[in-house]
N, C-alpha and C. Protein backbone atom coordinates (compact mmCIF):
# COMPACT_ATOMS: atom_id res chain seq x y z
N UNK A 1 39.21 54.75 104.24
CA UNK A 1 38.33 53.62 103.81
C UNK A 1 39.00 52.49 103.27
N UNK A 2 39.86 52.80 102.25
CA UNK A 2 40.73 51.75 101.57
C UNK A 2 41.64 51.09 102.61
N UNK A 3 42.26 51.91 103.48
CA UNK A 3 43.17 51.35 104.44
C UNK A 3 42.42 50.40 105.48
N UNK A 4 41.25 50.83 105.95
CA UNK A 4 40.45 50.03 106.79
C UNK A 4 40.05 48.73 106.17
N UNK A 5 39.69 48.71 104.87
CA UNK A 5 39.40 47.50 104.26
C UNK A 5 40.56 46.63 104.24
N UNK A 6 41.75 47.11 103.82
CA UNK A 6 42.98 46.23 103.83
C UNK A 6 43.35 45.77 105.19
N UNK A 7 43.22 46.50 106.20
CA UNK A 7 43.46 46.12 107.61
C UNK A 7 42.51 44.93 107.93
N UNK A 8 41.22 45.07 107.49
CA UNK A 8 40.26 44.00 107.78
C UNK A 8 40.54 42.74 107.14
N UNK A 9 41.10 42.88 105.84
CA UNK A 9 41.44 41.69 105.09
C UNK A 9 42.79 40.98 105.76
N UNK A 10 43.66 41.87 106.19
CA UNK A 10 44.93 41.37 106.79
C UNK A 10 44.64 40.63 108.13
N UNK A 11 43.56 41.07 108.86
CA UNK A 11 43.19 40.42 110.21
C UNK A 11 42.17 39.35 109.96
N UNK A 12 41.82 39.01 108.79
CA UNK A 12 40.77 37.86 108.45
C UNK A 12 41.24 36.58 108.78
N UNK A 13 40.76 35.79 109.73
CA UNK A 13 41.15 34.38 110.00
C UNK A 13 41.05 33.60 108.67
N UNK A 14 40.25 33.78 107.79
CA UNK A 14 40.03 32.97 106.60
C UNK A 14 41.21 33.18 105.62
N UNK A 15 41.84 34.32 105.67
CA UNK A 15 42.90 34.63 104.77
C UNK A 15 44.33 34.43 105.53
N UNK A 16 44.33 34.12 106.79
CA UNK A 16 45.60 34.12 107.52
C UNK A 16 46.66 33.21 106.86
N UNK A 17 46.36 31.99 106.60
CA UNK A 17 47.38 31.11 105.98
C UNK A 17 47.99 31.55 104.64
N UNK A 18 47.13 32.13 103.86
CA UNK A 18 47.49 32.66 102.57
C UNK A 18 48.46 33.83 102.75
N UNK A 19 47.95 34.82 103.60
CA UNK A 19 48.79 36.04 103.84
C UNK A 19 50.08 35.73 104.52
N UNK A 20 50.12 34.61 105.33
CA UNK A 20 51.37 34.23 105.94
C UNK A 20 52.39 33.79 104.99
N UNK A 21 52.05 33.48 103.75
CA UNK A 21 53.04 33.17 102.71
C UNK A 21 53.68 34.55 102.32
N UNK A 22 52.88 35.59 102.11
CA UNK A 22 53.42 36.83 101.82
C UNK A 22 54.27 37.33 102.86
N UNK A 23 53.90 37.24 104.18
CA UNK A 23 54.60 37.83 105.27
C UNK A 23 55.97 37.00 105.38
N UNK A 24 55.93 35.61 105.06
CA UNK A 24 57.08 34.88 105.11
C UNK A 24 58.16 35.40 104.15
N UNK A 25 57.66 35.62 102.80
CA UNK A 25 58.47 36.13 101.72
C UNK A 25 59.19 37.41 102.18
N UNK A 26 58.29 38.20 102.76
CA UNK A 26 58.77 39.57 103.21
C UNK A 26 59.91 39.46 104.38
N UNK A 27 59.63 38.65 105.34
CA UNK A 27 60.64 38.34 106.36
C UNK A 27 61.87 37.65 105.82
N UNK A 28 61.71 36.86 104.86
CA UNK A 28 62.79 36.18 104.22
C UNK A 28 63.76 37.19 103.60
N UNK A 29 63.13 38.20 102.85
CA UNK A 29 63.93 39.12 102.12
C UNK A 29 64.73 39.97 102.96
N UNK A 30 63.95 40.51 104.10
CA UNK A 30 64.56 41.43 105.11
C UNK A 30 65.69 40.73 105.77
N UNK A 31 65.40 39.55 106.32
CA UNK A 31 66.49 38.79 107.09
C UNK A 31 67.80 38.62 106.23
N UNK A 32 67.39 38.06 104.99
CA UNK A 32 68.64 37.76 104.07
C UNK A 32 69.35 38.93 103.78
N UNK A 33 68.84 40.06 103.59
CA UNK A 33 69.59 41.35 103.33
C UNK A 33 70.34 41.72 104.70
N UNK A 34 69.67 41.66 105.73
CA UNK A 34 70.38 41.99 107.06
C UNK A 34 71.60 41.25 107.36
N UNK A 35 71.57 39.87 107.09
CA UNK A 35 72.71 39.17 107.45
C UNK A 35 73.80 39.02 106.36
N UNK A 36 73.36 39.25 105.01
CA UNK A 36 74.25 39.16 104.09
C UNK A 36 75.07 40.42 103.79
N UNK A 37 74.41 41.52 103.96
CA UNK A 37 75.02 42.82 103.54
C UNK A 37 76.36 43.06 104.39
N UNK A 38 76.38 43.03 105.74
CA UNK A 38 77.52 43.31 106.52
C UNK A 38 78.64 42.26 106.13
N UNK A 39 78.18 40.90 105.89
CA UNK A 39 79.12 39.93 105.54
C UNK A 39 79.83 40.20 104.21
N UNK A 40 78.85 40.57 103.24
CA UNK A 40 79.49 40.99 101.96
C UNK A 40 80.46 42.12 101.98
N UNK A 41 80.18 43.17 102.72
CA UNK A 41 81.05 44.32 102.96
C UNK A 41 82.41 43.95 103.49
N UNK A 42 82.41 43.11 104.50
CA UNK A 42 83.74 42.58 105.19
C UNK A 42 84.49 41.79 104.13
N UNK A 43 83.80 40.89 103.43
CA UNK A 43 84.55 40.05 102.50
C UNK A 43 84.95 40.88 101.23
N UNK A 44 84.35 41.88 100.90
CA UNK A 44 84.78 42.74 99.84
C UNK A 44 86.01 43.50 100.23
N UNK A 45 86.06 44.00 101.47
CA UNK A 45 87.12 44.76 101.93
C UNK A 45 88.37 43.86 102.07
N UNK A 46 88.22 42.65 102.66
CA UNK A 46 89.36 41.88 102.85
C UNK A 46 89.82 41.03 101.72
N UNK A 47 88.91 40.57 100.92
CA UNK A 47 89.31 39.60 99.90
C UNK A 47 88.79 40.04 98.50
N UNK A 48 88.11 41.12 98.40
CA UNK A 48 87.52 41.58 97.16
C UNK A 48 88.62 41.98 96.16
N UNK A 49 88.27 41.74 94.80
CA UNK A 49 89.33 42.13 93.79
C UNK A 49 88.67 43.24 92.99
N UNK A 50 89.44 43.91 92.27
CA UNK A 50 89.04 45.07 91.43
C UNK A 50 88.88 46.39 92.12
N UNK A 51 88.43 47.44 91.52
CA UNK A 51 88.29 48.68 92.12
C UNK A 51 87.07 48.73 92.94
N UNK A 52 86.72 49.88 93.59
CA UNK A 52 85.66 49.81 94.57
C UNK A 52 84.31 49.99 93.93
N UNK A 53 84.11 50.34 92.61
CA UNK A 53 82.89 50.19 92.00
C UNK A 53 82.58 48.70 91.73
N UNK A 54 83.58 47.87 91.39
CA UNK A 54 83.40 46.44 91.23
C UNK A 54 83.06 45.76 92.54
N UNK A 55 83.66 46.16 93.64
CA UNK A 55 83.38 45.58 94.96
C UNK A 55 81.98 45.96 95.34
N UNK A 56 81.49 47.15 95.13
CA UNK A 56 80.20 47.53 95.53
C UNK A 56 79.20 46.75 94.76
N UNK A 57 79.42 46.50 93.43
CA UNK A 57 78.57 45.61 92.65
C UNK A 57 78.52 44.10 93.24
N UNK A 58 79.69 43.78 93.75
CA UNK A 58 79.73 42.35 94.30
C UNK A 58 78.83 42.34 95.59
N UNK A 59 78.91 43.40 96.34
CA UNK A 59 78.20 43.45 97.54
C UNK A 59 76.69 43.47 97.28
N UNK A 60 76.30 44.37 96.35
CA UNK A 60 74.86 44.35 95.95
C UNK A 60 74.29 43.09 95.46
N UNK A 61 75.16 42.40 94.59
CA UNK A 61 74.73 41.10 93.96
C UNK A 61 74.57 39.97 94.99
N UNK A 62 75.45 39.89 95.96
CA UNK A 62 75.45 39.01 96.95
C UNK A 62 74.29 39.26 97.94
N UNK A 63 74.01 40.48 98.31
CA UNK A 63 72.75 40.77 99.17
C UNK A 63 71.51 40.49 98.45
N UNK A 64 71.46 40.88 97.16
CA UNK A 64 70.25 40.63 96.45
C UNK A 64 69.90 39.18 96.34
N UNK A 65 71.02 38.29 95.94
CA UNK A 65 70.86 36.95 95.71
C UNK A 65 70.38 36.35 97.15
N UNK A 66 70.91 36.60 98.26
CA UNK A 66 70.63 36.06 99.50
C UNK A 66 69.21 36.30 99.97
N UNK A 67 68.80 37.69 99.79
CA UNK A 67 67.56 38.15 100.09
C UNK A 67 66.42 37.54 99.34
N UNK A 68 66.58 37.41 98.02
CA UNK A 68 65.62 36.90 97.04
C UNK A 68 65.52 35.38 97.28
N UNK A 69 66.64 34.75 97.37
CA UNK A 69 66.56 33.26 97.56
C UNK A 69 65.81 32.92 98.84
N UNK A 70 66.13 33.65 99.99
CA UNK A 70 65.48 33.33 101.28
C UNK A 70 63.97 33.66 101.20
N UNK A 71 63.69 34.76 100.41
CA UNK A 71 62.23 35.03 100.32
C UNK A 71 61.46 33.95 99.56
N UNK A 72 62.14 33.58 98.54
CA UNK A 72 61.50 32.52 97.61
C UNK A 72 61.37 31.19 98.38
N UNK A 73 62.37 30.85 99.12
CA UNK A 73 62.34 29.57 99.93
C UNK A 73 61.24 29.66 100.92
N UNK A 74 61.13 30.79 101.66
CA UNK A 74 60.16 30.76 102.77
C UNK A 74 58.72 30.68 102.11
N UNK A 75 58.50 31.50 101.14
CA UNK A 75 57.20 31.51 100.41
C UNK A 75 56.82 30.07 99.88
N UNK A 76 57.76 29.43 99.18
CA UNK A 76 57.55 28.08 98.69
C UNK A 76 57.29 27.12 99.77
N UNK A 77 58.09 27.20 100.84
CA UNK A 77 57.97 26.24 101.93
C UNK A 77 56.59 26.33 102.59
N UNK A 78 56.23 27.56 102.89
CA UNK A 78 54.92 27.74 103.47
C UNK A 78 53.66 27.40 102.56
N UNK A 79 53.93 27.66 101.27
CA UNK A 79 52.91 27.27 100.28
C UNK A 79 52.66 25.75 100.24
N UNK A 80 53.82 25.07 100.26
CA UNK A 80 53.81 23.53 100.31
C UNK A 80 53.23 23.07 101.55
N UNK A 81 53.46 23.71 102.61
CA UNK A 81 52.87 23.22 103.90
C UNK A 81 51.27 23.44 103.90
N UNK A 82 50.89 24.56 103.31
CA UNK A 82 49.49 24.91 103.17
C UNK A 82 48.80 23.84 102.37
N UNK A 83 49.43 23.49 101.14
CA UNK A 83 48.85 22.48 100.27
C UNK A 83 48.73 21.08 100.88
N UNK A 84 49.74 20.77 101.66
CA UNK A 84 49.72 19.46 102.39
C UNK A 84 48.59 19.44 103.49
N UNK A 85 48.50 20.60 104.18
CA UNK A 85 47.50 20.72 105.18
C UNK A 85 46.15 20.63 104.65
N UNK A 86 45.84 21.11 103.51
CA UNK A 86 44.57 21.01 102.81
C UNK A 86 44.28 19.62 102.26
N UNK A 87 45.35 18.95 101.84
CA UNK A 87 45.22 17.66 101.40
C UNK A 87 44.93 16.68 102.52
N UNK A 88 45.27 17.08 103.72
CA UNK A 88 44.94 16.17 104.86
C UNK A 88 43.63 16.61 105.65
N UNK A 89 42.84 17.30 104.90
CA UNK A 89 41.57 17.70 105.52
C UNK A 89 41.75 18.90 106.61
N UNK A 90 42.84 19.70 106.35
CA UNK A 90 43.01 20.74 107.35
C UNK A 90 43.80 20.51 108.54
N UNK A 91 44.44 19.28 108.64
CA UNK A 91 45.13 18.90 109.84
C UNK A 91 46.65 18.51 109.27
N UNK A 92 47.62 19.35 109.70
CA UNK A 92 48.91 19.07 109.36
C UNK A 92 49.45 17.81 109.98
N UNK A 93 50.47 17.13 109.24
CA UNK A 93 51.01 16.04 109.78
C UNK A 93 52.58 16.18 110.17
N UNK A 94 53.08 15.25 110.96
CA UNK A 94 54.42 15.52 111.38
C UNK A 94 55.48 15.60 110.33
N UNK A 95 55.27 14.81 109.21
CA UNK A 95 56.28 14.80 108.16
C UNK A 95 56.07 15.97 107.22
N UNK A 96 55.16 16.76 107.27
CA UNK A 96 54.86 17.80 106.26
C UNK A 96 56.15 18.81 106.19
N UNK A 97 56.60 19.20 107.34
CA UNK A 97 57.79 20.14 107.22
C UNK A 97 59.05 19.60 106.39
N UNK A 98 59.29 18.38 106.74
CA UNK A 98 60.42 17.68 106.07
C UNK A 98 60.14 17.58 104.49
N UNK A 99 58.91 17.28 104.13
CA UNK A 99 58.64 17.15 102.63
C UNK A 99 58.73 18.56 102.11
N UNK A 100 58.00 19.48 102.69
CA UNK A 100 58.15 20.84 102.13
C UNK A 100 59.50 21.45 102.17
N UNK A 101 60.33 21.20 103.21
CA UNK A 101 61.64 21.72 103.23
C UNK A 101 62.49 21.12 102.23
N UNK A 102 62.40 19.77 102.02
CA UNK A 102 63.14 19.03 100.98
C UNK A 102 62.95 19.66 99.65
N UNK A 103 61.63 19.82 99.28
CA UNK A 103 61.23 20.24 97.91
C UNK A 103 61.70 21.67 97.70
N UNK A 104 61.47 22.57 98.66
CA UNK A 104 61.84 23.93 98.58
C UNK A 104 63.46 24.08 98.62
N UNK A 105 63.97 23.26 99.35
CA UNK A 105 65.44 23.46 99.38
C UNK A 105 66.17 23.00 98.09
N UNK A 106 65.68 21.99 97.48
CA UNK A 106 66.12 21.56 96.17
C UNK A 106 65.83 22.60 95.15
N UNK A 107 64.48 23.15 95.03
CA UNK A 107 64.14 24.05 93.97
C UNK A 107 64.94 25.39 94.11
N UNK A 108 65.14 25.91 95.35
CA UNK A 108 65.83 27.25 95.51
C UNK A 108 67.26 27.20 95.62
N UNK A 109 67.85 26.45 96.62
CA UNK A 109 69.10 26.37 96.93
C UNK A 109 69.93 25.22 96.21
N UNK A 110 69.31 24.17 95.88
CA UNK A 110 69.91 23.06 95.24
C UNK A 110 70.13 23.08 93.74
N UNK A 111 69.25 23.98 93.09
CA UNK A 111 69.25 24.04 91.63
C UNK A 111 70.38 25.13 91.18
N UNK A 112 71.00 25.78 92.07
CA UNK A 112 72.10 26.78 91.61
C UNK A 112 73.16 26.81 92.69
N UNK A 113 74.32 26.20 92.38
CA UNK A 113 75.42 26.08 93.33
C UNK A 113 76.26 27.30 93.28
N UNK A 114 75.67 28.54 93.56
CA UNK A 114 76.31 29.77 93.59
C UNK A 114 77.04 29.86 95.01
N UNK A 115 77.80 30.79 95.09
CA UNK A 115 78.68 30.96 96.40
C UNK A 115 77.74 31.23 97.50
N UNK A 116 76.77 32.13 97.26
CA UNK A 116 75.78 32.45 98.40
C UNK A 116 75.01 31.20 98.74
N UNK A 117 74.50 30.42 97.79
CA UNK A 117 73.75 29.26 98.20
C UNK A 117 74.53 28.22 98.85
N UNK A 118 75.77 28.05 98.47
CA UNK A 118 76.69 27.11 99.16
C UNK A 118 76.95 27.56 100.51
N UNK A 119 77.12 28.79 100.76
CA UNK A 119 77.37 29.24 102.17
C UNK A 119 76.12 29.07 103.06
N UNK A 120 74.96 29.26 102.46
CA UNK A 120 73.81 29.11 103.28
C UNK A 120 73.56 27.64 103.66
N UNK A 121 73.73 26.72 102.63
CA UNK A 121 73.57 25.30 102.94
C UNK A 121 74.62 24.89 103.95
N UNK A 122 75.83 25.30 103.84
CA UNK A 122 76.94 24.92 104.85
C UNK A 122 76.63 25.42 106.22
N UNK A 123 76.02 26.66 106.25
CA UNK A 123 75.62 27.21 107.55
C UNK A 123 74.68 26.29 108.20
N UNK A 124 73.63 25.90 107.47
CA UNK A 124 72.64 25.08 108.05
C UNK A 124 73.17 23.61 108.37
N UNK A 125 74.10 23.12 107.53
CA UNK A 125 74.61 21.71 107.84
C UNK A 125 75.40 21.86 109.18
N UNK A 126 76.04 22.87 109.39
CA UNK A 126 76.85 23.02 110.70
C UNK A 126 75.89 23.01 111.79
N UNK A 127 74.80 23.62 111.71
CA UNK A 127 73.81 23.64 112.77
C UNK A 127 73.11 22.44 112.95
N UNK A 128 72.94 21.64 111.92
CA UNK A 128 72.29 20.33 111.98
C UNK A 128 73.28 19.37 112.76
N UNK A 129 74.56 19.41 112.47
CA UNK A 129 75.54 18.62 113.14
C UNK A 129 75.53 18.97 114.68
N UNK A 130 75.55 20.32 114.99
CA UNK A 130 75.55 20.74 116.34
C UNK A 130 74.27 20.20 117.04
N UNK A 131 73.06 20.02 116.34
CA UNK A 131 71.85 19.70 116.91
C UNK A 131 71.96 18.29 117.44
N UNK A 132 72.80 17.56 116.87
CA UNK A 132 72.90 16.09 117.33
C UNK A 132 73.44 15.99 118.75
N UNK A 133 74.21 16.96 119.15
CA UNK A 133 74.91 16.85 120.39
C UNK A 133 73.89 16.83 121.66
N UNK A 134 74.13 16.14 122.61
CA UNK A 134 73.27 16.19 123.95
C UNK A 134 73.17 17.60 124.32
N UNK A 135 71.90 17.84 125.04
CA UNK A 135 71.59 19.17 125.55
C UNK A 135 71.62 19.32 127.02
N UNK A 136 71.95 20.49 127.48
CA UNK A 136 71.97 20.77 128.96
C UNK A 136 70.53 20.99 129.33
N UNK A 137 70.00 20.09 130.24
CA UNK A 137 68.76 20.31 130.78
C UNK A 137 67.58 19.88 129.89
N UNK A 138 66.38 20.14 130.27
CA UNK A 138 65.26 19.90 129.37
C UNK A 138 64.25 20.97 129.48
N UNK A 139 63.34 21.04 128.47
CA UNK A 139 62.34 22.03 128.52
C UNK A 139 61.11 21.39 129.23
N UNK A 140 60.59 22.12 130.28
CA UNK A 140 59.44 21.61 131.06
C UNK A 140 58.23 21.29 130.22
N UNK A 141 57.56 20.23 130.43
CA UNK A 141 56.26 19.92 129.70
C UNK A 141 55.37 21.08 129.68
N UNK A 142 54.82 21.41 128.60
CA UNK A 142 53.85 22.50 128.44
C UNK A 142 54.45 23.88 128.26
N UNK A 143 55.80 24.05 128.56
CA UNK A 143 56.45 25.18 128.34
C UNK A 143 56.80 25.59 126.86
N UNK A 144 56.83 26.84 126.42
CA UNK A 144 57.09 27.23 125.21
C UNK A 144 58.53 26.56 124.66
N UNK A 145 58.60 26.16 123.42
CA UNK A 145 59.90 25.49 123.03
C UNK A 145 61.02 26.59 123.05
N UNK A 146 62.19 26.24 123.42
CA UNK A 146 63.39 27.19 123.33
C UNK A 146 64.65 26.32 123.14
N UNK A 147 65.58 27.01 122.58
CA UNK A 147 66.83 26.31 122.36
C UNK A 147 67.63 26.01 123.58
N UNK A 148 68.20 24.88 123.75
CA UNK A 148 69.00 24.44 124.90
C UNK A 148 70.42 24.33 124.49
N UNK A 149 71.40 24.84 125.24
CA UNK A 149 72.90 24.74 124.81
C UNK A 149 73.32 23.30 124.92
N UNK A 150 74.30 22.92 124.14
CA UNK A 150 74.85 21.55 124.19
C UNK A 150 75.62 21.27 125.48
N UNK A 151 75.79 20.14 125.94
CA UNK A 151 76.54 19.92 127.15
C UNK A 151 78.11 20.28 126.86
N UNK A 152 78.72 20.63 127.96
CA UNK A 152 80.23 20.97 127.80
C UNK A 152 80.99 20.04 127.09
N UNK A 153 80.93 18.79 127.62
CA UNK A 153 81.78 17.79 126.99
C UNK A 153 81.53 17.47 125.73
N UNK A 154 80.20 17.45 125.32
CA UNK A 154 79.96 17.22 123.69
C UNK A 154 80.47 18.29 122.96
N UNK A 155 80.21 19.51 123.34
CA UNK A 155 80.72 20.66 122.55
C UNK A 155 82.27 20.66 122.51
N UNK A 156 82.96 20.37 123.57
CA UNK A 156 84.40 20.38 123.61
C UNK A 156 84.88 19.24 122.56
N UNK A 157 84.21 18.14 122.45
CA UNK A 157 84.60 17.10 121.51
C UNK A 157 84.33 17.45 120.18
N UNK A 158 83.27 18.15 119.84
CA UNK A 158 83.02 18.62 118.63
C UNK A 158 84.02 19.64 118.08
N UNK A 159 84.38 20.63 118.97
CA UNK A 159 85.30 21.60 118.69
C UNK A 159 86.66 21.02 118.33
N UNK A 160 87.14 20.05 119.15
CA UNK A 160 88.44 19.51 118.91
C UNK A 160 88.43 18.78 117.65
N UNK A 161 87.44 17.85 117.39
CA UNK A 161 87.17 17.11 116.13
C UNK A 161 87.23 17.91 114.93
N UNK A 162 86.36 18.99 114.97
CA UNK A 162 86.15 19.84 113.92
C UNK A 162 87.57 20.54 113.49
N UNK A 163 88.27 21.12 114.48
CA UNK A 163 89.51 21.85 114.11
C UNK A 163 90.57 20.83 113.70
N UNK A 164 90.54 19.65 114.25
CA UNK A 164 91.63 18.73 113.86
C UNK A 164 91.32 18.26 112.47
N UNK A 165 90.17 17.92 112.14
CA UNK A 165 89.78 17.43 110.76
C UNK A 165 90.09 18.58 109.64
N UNK A 166 89.62 19.76 109.95
CA UNK A 166 89.74 20.75 108.99
C UNK A 166 91.23 21.22 108.72
N UNK A 167 92.03 21.14 109.69
CA UNK A 167 93.44 21.51 109.57
C UNK A 167 94.17 20.38 108.79
N UNK A 168 93.73 19.07 109.02
CA UNK A 168 94.34 17.97 108.22
C UNK A 168 93.84 18.08 106.72
N UNK A 169 92.62 18.37 106.62
CA UNK A 169 92.18 18.68 105.09
C UNK A 169 92.86 19.76 104.54
N UNK A 170 93.08 20.89 105.22
CA UNK A 170 93.71 22.00 104.59
C UNK A 170 95.25 21.67 104.13
N UNK A 171 95.91 20.88 104.91
CA UNK A 171 97.22 20.47 104.55
C UNK A 171 97.31 19.32 103.55
N UNK A 172 96.32 18.43 103.59
CA UNK A 172 96.48 17.16 102.81
C UNK A 172 95.52 17.21 101.54
N UNK A 173 94.26 17.87 101.79
CA UNK A 173 93.25 17.78 100.77
C UNK A 173 92.63 19.13 100.59
N UNK A 174 93.37 20.23 100.26
CA UNK A 174 92.81 21.59 100.26
C UNK A 174 91.75 21.72 99.17
N UNK A 175 91.71 20.93 98.20
CA UNK A 175 90.73 21.01 97.08
C UNK A 175 89.35 20.66 97.61
N UNK A 176 89.18 20.10 98.75
CA UNK A 176 87.89 19.73 99.33
C UNK A 176 87.26 20.75 100.13
N UNK A 177 88.04 21.87 100.51
CA UNK A 177 87.58 22.88 101.41
C UNK A 177 86.82 23.92 100.55
N UNK A 178 85.72 24.45 101.16
CA UNK A 178 84.95 25.53 100.61
C UNK A 178 85.77 26.80 100.20
N UNK A 179 85.60 27.39 99.01
CA UNK A 179 86.45 28.47 98.68
C UNK A 179 86.68 29.60 99.65
N UNK A 180 85.52 30.04 100.36
CA UNK A 180 85.73 31.12 101.19
C UNK A 180 86.51 30.70 102.47
N UNK A 181 86.31 29.55 102.94
CA UNK A 181 87.02 29.03 104.04
C UNK A 181 88.60 28.89 103.59
N UNK A 182 88.87 28.40 102.41
CA UNK A 182 90.15 28.25 101.94
C UNK A 182 90.87 29.41 101.87
N UNK A 183 90.18 30.58 101.43
CA UNK A 183 90.78 31.85 101.32
C UNK A 183 91.23 32.39 102.81
N UNK A 184 90.28 32.15 103.76
CA UNK A 184 90.53 32.53 105.15
C UNK A 184 91.70 31.84 105.71
N UNK A 185 91.76 30.51 105.52
CA UNK A 185 92.94 29.60 106.09
C UNK A 185 94.10 29.95 105.44
N UNK A 186 94.11 30.21 104.18
CA UNK A 186 95.37 30.58 103.40
C UNK A 186 95.91 31.89 104.08
N UNK A 187 95.04 32.82 104.27
CA UNK A 187 95.52 34.16 104.92
C UNK A 187 96.06 33.87 106.27
N UNK A 188 95.52 32.96 107.10
CA UNK A 188 95.89 32.75 108.52
C UNK A 188 97.13 31.88 108.55
N UNK A 189 97.24 30.82 107.69
CA UNK A 189 98.29 29.73 107.98
C UNK A 189 99.33 29.76 107.02
N UNK A 190 99.03 30.20 105.75
CA UNK A 190 100.08 30.22 104.63
C UNK A 190 100.75 31.52 104.52
N UNK A 191 99.85 32.61 104.46
CA UNK A 191 100.46 33.93 104.28
C UNK A 191 101.37 34.45 105.47
N UNK A 192 101.06 33.85 106.68
CA UNK A 192 101.82 34.16 107.85
C UNK A 192 103.19 33.64 107.74
N UNK A 193 103.52 32.69 106.89
CA UNK A 193 104.85 32.30 106.61
C UNK A 193 105.70 33.11 105.60
N UNK A 194 105.07 34.12 105.11
CA UNK A 194 105.71 34.86 103.98
C UNK A 194 105.90 36.28 104.40
N UNK A 195 107.24 36.65 104.66
CA UNK A 195 107.66 38.08 105.02
C UNK A 195 109.12 38.13 104.79
N UNK A 196 109.59 39.31 104.51
CA UNK A 196 111.08 39.54 104.20
C UNK A 196 111.60 40.74 104.94
N UNK A 197 110.72 41.55 105.60
CA UNK A 197 111.18 42.80 106.32
C UNK A 197 110.06 43.12 107.35
N UNK A 198 110.33 44.21 108.04
CA UNK A 198 109.38 44.49 109.15
C UNK A 198 108.07 45.00 108.58
N UNK A 199 108.06 45.54 107.42
CA UNK A 199 106.86 45.94 106.73
C UNK A 199 105.91 44.79 106.50
N UNK A 200 106.41 43.74 105.83
CA UNK A 200 105.63 42.51 105.64
C UNK A 200 105.49 41.56 106.66
N UNK A 201 106.19 41.83 107.88
CA UNK A 201 105.98 41.09 109.01
C UNK A 201 104.78 41.65 109.78
N UNK A 202 104.70 42.95 109.93
CA UNK A 202 103.76 43.52 110.80
C UNK A 202 102.60 44.40 110.24
N UNK A 203 103.02 45.18 109.25
CA UNK A 203 102.10 46.19 108.79
C UNK A 203 101.32 45.68 107.45
N UNK A 204 101.84 44.83 106.66
CA UNK A 204 101.13 44.43 105.52
C UNK A 204 101.27 42.86 105.33
N UNK A 205 100.35 42.27 104.79
CA UNK A 205 100.38 40.77 104.60
C UNK A 205 101.40 40.54 103.55
N UNK A 206 101.42 41.20 102.44
CA UNK A 206 102.36 40.97 101.39
C UNK A 206 102.84 42.14 100.82
């Protein structure tokens, strides 16, 4: 009886927009945990400091932060969309997502410059830059929206420019590079210059 009532409430059109906020928070938490946990494990193994207990705590803390922040962002974003829709008499406007995304982005990711938040913002920034590139083909009118790959020439230009600039920055202005990327580039390009026997040349970094 109770389960039937809850199922009826979940399927109610009158409650759909409100329950979508809860579902959004749920999906944000699940997705955040799924993508952060394996990344945190790899980073703890490759670059982590301290004993394994300390590294496990780092993995848990990073996963928790990412999952909770993404859950809060999605919930706040969808709530702001709902409020704007109601203020427009039930009709959403084109600019609503930008307003909601800006406010939620500042409140959740802009208010705390943690390592996790910085990585999330940089991840999105990279994809925004890529979104500017010309696309291969077009989506037919009336068809469901789907991502289109960038043209070969535009992607090749972006790849060349990105690697050229980042290598120049690493050599000339390393203080401007994000810490995680700085550690990776140090391992690849600086540590590979340091060896004094076969062991440190092949088997161990240092």
